[in-house]
Protein backbone atom coordinates (compact mmCIF):
# COMPACT_ATOMS: atom_id res chain seq x y z
CA MET A 1 149.63 48.57 28.83
CA THR A 2 146.36 48.21 27.38
CA PRO A 3 146.79 47.72 23.82
CA THR A 4 145.57 49.86 20.87
CA ILE A 5 142.80 48.89 19.09
CA ILE A 6 142.75 50.40 15.47
CA GLY A 7 139.43 50.10 13.81
CA PRO A 8 137.84 51.18 10.17
CA GLU A 9 137.76 54.66 10.79
CA ALA A 10 141.29 55.02 10.80
CA GLU A 11 141.77 54.76 7.06
CA ALA A 12 140.86 58.52 6.68
CA ALA A 13 144.85 59.24 8.24
CA LEU A 14 146.09 56.88 5.49
CA ASP A 15 147.76 57.93 2.54
CA TRP A 16 148.67 55.35 -0.61
CA MET A 17 151.59 57.29 -1.86
CA ASP A 18 153.41 57.51 2.11
CA LEU A 19 152.18 53.82 2.63
CA THR A 20 154.95 52.45 -0.47
CA ARG A 21 157.21 54.92 1.33
CA ALA A 22 156.94 52.98 4.39
CA ILE A 23 156.89 49.71 3.01
CA ALA A 24 160.30 50.87 1.02
CA ALA A 25 161.74 52.11 4.76
CA GLY A 26 161.17 48.47 6.00
CA HIS A 27 162.87 46.41 3.98
CA GLU A 28 166.30 49.15 4.64
CA LEU A 29 165.42 47.31 8.28
CA PRO A 30 167.22 43.93 9.22
CA ARG A 31 165.39 41.27 6.74
CA ALA A 32 162.46 39.94 8.33
CA GLU A 33 161.86 36.39 9.43
CA VAL A 34 158.83 35.03 8.22
CA LYS A 35 156.37 31.55 8.84
CA ASP A 36 153.59 30.49 7.35
CA ILE A 37 150.75 28.01 8.50
CA PHE A 38 148.82 26.56 5.70
CA LEU A 39 144.90 24.06 6.75
CA TYR A 40 143.15 23.33 4.58
CA ARG A 41 139.07 21.86 4.16
CA GLY A 42 138.73 21.63 0.85
CA ASP A 43 138.09 25.57 -0.93
CA ASP A 44 138.49 26.61 2.78
CA THR A 45 142.21 27.33 3.94
CA MET A 46 143.53 28.89 7.28
CA LEU A 47 146.17 31.28 6.51
CA SER A 48 148.73 31.68 9.44
CA ARG A 49 151.38 34.27 9.34
CA ALA A 50 154.40 34.88 11.63
CA ALA A 51 156.70 37.75 10.97
CA TRP A 52 159.58 39.68 13.06
CA ILE A 53 161.35 42.63 12.33
CA ASP A 54 164.13 43.52 14.57
CA GLY A 55 163.73 47.42 15.26
CA LEU A 56 159.76 47.15 14.34
CA GLY A 57 157.96 44.23 16.13
CA SER A 58 156.26 40.97 15.42
CA LEU A 59 153.16 40.52 14.36
CA VAL A 60 150.61 37.89 13.78
CA LYS A 61 147.63 37.46 11.48
CA THR A 62 145.48 34.71 10.59
CA ALA A 63 143.12 34.95 7.52
CA LEU A 64 140.53 32.22 7.35
CA ILE A 65 139.23 32.44 3.33
CA PHE A 66 135.65 30.54 2.49
CA PRO A 67 135.15 30.89 -1.01
CA GLY A 68 131.63 30.19 -0.79
CA ASN A 69 130.98 32.76 1.72
CA THR A 70 130.42 35.14 -2.02
CA ALA A 71 127.34 33.09 -2.75
CA ARG A 72 125.99 33.15 0.54
CA GLY A 73 126.28 37.46 0.87
CA LYS A 74 129.21 37.18 3.28
CA PRO A 75 132.96 38.18 2.55
CA ALA A 76 135.03 35.70 0.94
CA VAL A 77 138.13 36.95 3.68
CA GLY A 78 138.99 36.98 7.99
CA GLY A 79 140.49 37.45 10.07
CA ALA A 80 142.67 39.00 13.16
CA VAL A 81 145.32 40.76 13.53
CA SER A 82 147.81 41.21 16.36
CA VAL A 83 151.60 43.19 16.74
CA PHE A 84 153.58 43.07 19.86
CA SER A 85 156.29 45.15 21.15
CA ASP A 86 159.96 45.01 20.00
CA THR A 87 161.58 45.25 23.30
CA ASP A 88 158.91 43.30 25.78
CA GLY A 89 156.91 41.13 23.40
CA THR A 90 153.69 42.80 24.84
CA LEU A 91 150.54 42.75 22.62
CA ALA A 92 150.99 46.27 21.59
CA ALA A 93 148.07 46.34 19.32
CA MET A 94 144.47 45.17 17.08
CA LEU A 95 143.71 46.23 14.01
CA ASP A 96 140.96 45.68 12.37
CA PHE A 97 141.87 42.67 9.88
CA VAL A 98 140.11 43.94 7.00
CA LEU A 99 141.81 47.87 7.01
CA VAL A 100 144.95 45.96 7.09
CA THR A 101 144.52 43.42 4.36
CA LYS A 102 143.20 46.24 1.71
CA TRP A 103 146.27 48.55 2.81
CA LYS A 104 148.82 45.63 2.12
CA THR A 105 147.92 44.22 -0.80
CA ALA A 106 146.99 47.29 -2.72
CA GLY A 107 150.25 49.19 -1.57
CA ASP A 108 152.10 45.96 -2.06
CA SER A 109 151.29 46.02 -5.47
CA LEU A 110 151.44 49.92 -6.42
CA LEU A 111 155.08 50.22 -4.86
CA ALA A 112 155.65 47.38 -7.39
CA ALA A 113 154.19 49.26 -10.17
CA THR A 114 155.73 52.70 -8.85
CA ARG A 115 159.66 50.91 -9.77
CA LEU A 116 158.38 48.50 -12.85
CA ALA A 117 155.67 50.00 -14.77
CA ARG A 118 156.50 52.97 -17.36
CA PRO A 119 155.83 56.42 -15.82
CA ASP A 120 153.24 57.32 -18.65
CA SER A 121 151.43 54.09 -17.84
CA ARG A 122 148.00 55.84 -18.21
CA GLU A 123 145.70 52.36 -19.75
CA VAL A 124 145.20 50.26 -16.71
CA LEU A 125 143.29 46.76 -16.66
CA ILE A 126 141.80 45.39 -13.62
CA VAL A 127 141.22 40.94 -13.57
CA GLY A 128 138.53 40.94 -11.02
CA SER A 129 135.63 42.57 -9.17
CA GLY A 130 135.82 42.34 -5.70
CA ALA A 131 137.02 43.73 -2.99
CA VAL A 132 140.75 43.95 -3.59
CA ALA A 133 139.64 44.94 -7.37
CA ARG A 134 138.03 47.98 -5.61
CA SER A 135 140.88 48.78 -3.88
CA LEU A 136 143.49 48.78 -6.92
CA VAL A 137 141.55 51.78 -8.46
CA GLU A 138 141.81 53.91 -5.26
CA ALA A 139 145.98 52.78 -5.12
CA TYR A 140 146.83 53.11 -9.06
CA SER A 141 144.92 56.37 -8.92
CA ALA A 142 147.47 58.06 -6.13
CA ALA A 143 150.43 56.97 -8.21
CA PHE A 144 148.77 57.41 -12.52
CA PRO A 145 146.80 60.03 -11.63
CA ASP A 146 145.37 60.16 -15.26
CA ALA A 147 144.65 56.28 -16.16
CA ARG A 148 142.34 55.18 -17.22
CA PHE A 149 140.03 52.51 -15.77
CA ARG A 150 138.62 49.07 -17.35
CA ILE A 151 137.19 46.16 -15.30
CA TRP A 152 137.05 42.41 -16.65
CA SER A 153 135.31 39.80 -14.64
CA ARG A 154 134.49 36.43 -15.00
CA ASN A 155 130.83 37.78 -13.58
CA PRO A 156 130.01 40.98 -16.00
CA ASP A 157 126.97 41.95 -13.86
CA ASN A 158 129.78 42.26 -11.33
CA ALA A 159 132.28 44.11 -13.41
CA ALA A 160 129.35 46.64 -14.29
CA ARG A 161 128.82 47.53 -10.50
CA LEU A 162 132.34 47.62 -9.88
CA ALA A 163 132.32 50.18 -13.01
CA ALA A 164 129.81 52.13 -11.77
CA GLU A 165 131.08 52.37 -8.13
CA THR A 166 134.40 53.54 -8.99
CA GLY A 167 134.25 55.93 -12.45
CA ALA A 168 135.79 52.87 -14.27
CA ARG A 169 134.99 50.97 -17.80
CA ALA A 170 133.40 47.57 -17.76
CA VAL A 171 134.86 45.36 -20.54
CA THR A 172 134.28 41.61 -22.22
CA ASP A 173 137.10 41.04 -24.61
CA LEU A 174 140.14 40.04 -22.20
CA ALA A 175 142.59 39.48 -24.86
CA ALA A 176 141.58 41.98 -26.57
CA GLU A 177 141.33 44.49 -23.39
CA VAL A 178 145.44 42.74 -22.23
CA GLY A 179 147.00 44.13 -25.52
CA ARG A 180 145.96 47.81 -26.00
CA SER A 181 146.98 48.02 -21.73
CA ASP A 182 149.60 49.65 -19.49
CA ILE A 183 149.37 47.78 -16.50
CA VAL A 184 147.21 44.25 -16.28
CA THR A 185 146.51 43.70 -12.67
CA CYS A 186 144.70 40.55 -11.39
CA ALA A 187 143.19 39.77 -8.54
CA THR A 188 140.98 36.89 -8.90
CA MET A 189 140.53 33.56 -6.80
CA ALA A 190 141.81 31.43 -10.09
CA THR A 191 143.27 27.97 -10.13
CA ASP A 192 143.93 27.98 -13.29
CA PRO A 193 145.17 30.67 -15.43
CA VAL A 194 143.08 33.67 -16.99
CA ILE A 195 146.05 35.70 -18.66
CA ARG A 196 147.90 34.43 -21.74
CA GLY A 197 151.57 35.43 -22.48
CA GLU A 198 150.17 35.47 -25.86
CA TRP A 199 148.43 38.65 -24.92
CA LEU A 200 151.01 41.32 -23.53
CA ARG A 201 152.66 43.62 -25.57
CA PRO A 202 156.01 45.09 -24.96
CA GLY A 203 156.36 47.35 -22.58
CA THR A 204 153.23 46.08 -20.03
CA HIS A 205 153.57 45.52 -16.68
CA LEU A 206 151.53 42.39 -14.93
CA ASP A 207 150.62 42.67 -11.31
CA LEU A 208 149.53 39.26 -9.93
CA ILE A 209 147.88 38.67 -6.72
CA GLY A 210 145.36 36.39 -6.33
CA ALA A 211 147.29 33.10 -6.02
CA TYR A 212 148.22 32.26 -2.12
CA ARG A 213 147.78 28.55 -2.59
CA PRO A 214 149.96 25.64 -4.01
CA ASP A 215 147.39 25.01 -6.80
CA MET A 216 146.28 28.09 -8.15
CA ARG A 217 147.82 30.50 -10.44
CA GLU A 218 146.46 33.28 -12.70
CA ALA A 219 148.83 33.69 -15.29
CA ASP A 220 150.12 30.75 -17.78
CA ASP A 221 153.44 29.56 -19.05
CA ASP A 222 153.68 31.37 -21.90
CA ALA A 223 153.56 34.54 -19.79
CA LEU A 224 156.52 34.14 -17.41
CA PRO A 225 159.26 33.30 -20.43
CA ARG A 226 158.02 36.50 -21.98
CA ALA A 227 158.66 38.01 -18.70
CA THR A 228 161.20 40.02 -16.55
CA LEU A 229 160.04 38.10 -13.24
CA PHE A 230 159.88 40.43 -9.80
CA VAL A 231 158.59 39.62 -6.22
CA ASP A 232 157.93 40.19 -3.15
CA SER A 233 159.59 38.05 -1.39
CA ARG A 234 161.44 35.26 -2.52
CA GLU A 235 160.85 33.41 0.67
CA THR A 236 156.71 33.57 0.47
CA THR A 237 156.31 33.07 -2.97
CA LEU A 238 158.76 31.05 -4.92
CA ASP A 239 158.14 27.37 -2.80
CA HIS A 240 154.58 28.21 -1.62
CA ILE A 241 152.01 30.20 -4.05
CA GLY A 242 151.47 27.92 -7.48
CA GLU A 243 151.87 31.29 -9.57
CA LEU A 244 155.52 30.43 -9.63
CA LYS A 245 156.13 27.07 -7.71
CA ILE A 246 154.20 24.94 -10.29
CA PRO A 247 156.14 26.52 -13.21
CA LEU A 248 159.44 26.16 -11.65
CA ALA A 249 158.31 22.57 -10.93
CA GLU A 250 157.77 22.03 -14.38
CA GLY A 251 160.89 23.71 -15.72
CA VAL A 252 159.40 26.25 -17.06
CA ILE A 253 161.36 28.73 -15.27
CA ASP A 254 164.47 28.83 -13.15
CA ARG A 255 164.57 30.39 -9.97
CA ALA A 256 167.55 32.37 -11.36
CA ASP A 257 164.48 34.05 -13.52
CA VAL A 258 163.41 35.64 -9.94
CA VAL A 259 165.30 39.13 -11.00
CA ALA A 260 164.79 40.27 -7.32
CA ASP A 261 162.41 41.52 -4.26
CA TYR A 262 162.03 44.55 -2.02
CA TYR A 263 165.08 43.21 -0.66
CA ASP A 264 167.63 43.84 -3.47
CA THR A 265 168.00 47.47 -3.09
CA GLY A 266 168.21 48.96 -6.59
CA ALA A 267 167.55 45.91 -8.52
CA MET A 268 164.05 46.01 -8.83
CA ARG A 269 163.53 48.58 -11.44
CA ARG A 270 162.65 48.21 -14.83
CA ALA A 271 165.47 47.66 -17.67
CA SER A 272 163.41 49.64 -21.02
CA ALA A 273 160.05 50.97 -22.18
CA ASP A 274 159.73 47.45 -24.06
CA GLN A 275 160.46 45.56 -21.27
CA ILE A 276 157.53 43.24 -20.19
CA THR A 277 157.48 43.60 -16.40
CA LEU A 278 155.84 40.67 -14.19
CA PHE A 279 155.17 41.30 -10.67
CA LYS A 280 153.73 38.58 -7.66
CA ASN A 281 152.23 40.19 -4.87
CA GLY A 282 153.00 37.20 -1.66
CA GLY A 283 151.71 39.52 0.71
CA GLY A 284 154.08 37.80 3.43
CA ALA A 285 152.90 38.43 6.58
CA HIS A 286 156.65 41.08 7.63
CA LEU A 287 154.61 43.11 4.67
CA ASP A 288 151.54 43.08 6.64
CA LEU A 289 154.12 44.16 9.75
CA MET A 290 155.06 47.19 8.49
CA VAL A 291 151.95 48.08 6.74
CA ALA A 292 150.29 47.96 10.58
CA ARG A 293 153.13 49.72 11.93
CA TYR A 294 152.57 52.42 9.32
CA ILE A 295 148.78 52.60 9.96
CA LEU A 296 149.23 52.96 14.84
CA ASP A 297 151.66 55.91 13.89
CA ALA A 298 149.47 57.95 10.48
CA ALA A 299 146.15 57.16 13.15
CA GLY A 300 148.51 58.05 16.17
């Protein structure tokens, strides 16, 4: 059978809230088997992720991250996505890498926010001004339709450009903006923390997306102990991404401080209005598989 080819035109059939329900349903299936392979060349990274979920199939996604491409006017991230049949292992579909990555990354954080952010959240700060930041405006608007968005970036011109294109407001004082936000969602290429725990006010939901390597962090050592910690998957975050790997190794936090991931039914929830919640979006291949299957169904 010829595999299905899904391109960016499929986006017209997708819905953010439907996606969160698909991701939640995927975690009701048997636990995924997930493996990651990282290869490095200086600042460049090749990340190959594979997942198999009994009843859903298997997926291989390879991402090439070349941070220097931004200065050349090229995308910093590219790659390929393949989905395989759960019944006979044949290639079932090839999906546009950018499409899957966009909806997986923002959808992962959106599902967490629907469970961990205060339902009355109105002030949303996006830290970063790249492609992920743009998709976060779309995604968070679906669950928080009355939200007011602000964008901070180390490059103020990029923040102003994205704000003009999305209807958000560009800001420059990061500490002040974190302190007045209900939701702070961080999507940067930072290796050193940009968010300080002392800036977080009670009731804030902090969503950390950008770090994907063992040497990368977006939040400092003060932020983690102040917050209740959640991840999308313990398997793909705790021992692989610097956001948690470094503070775990240094004794800043313990593994038991991570309260839940998506497989812990009912445990990923806010306990009080004043609780500071922190979610690490690791974006494992099992999430790519759930999202790819949602896209295939929606576009079918």
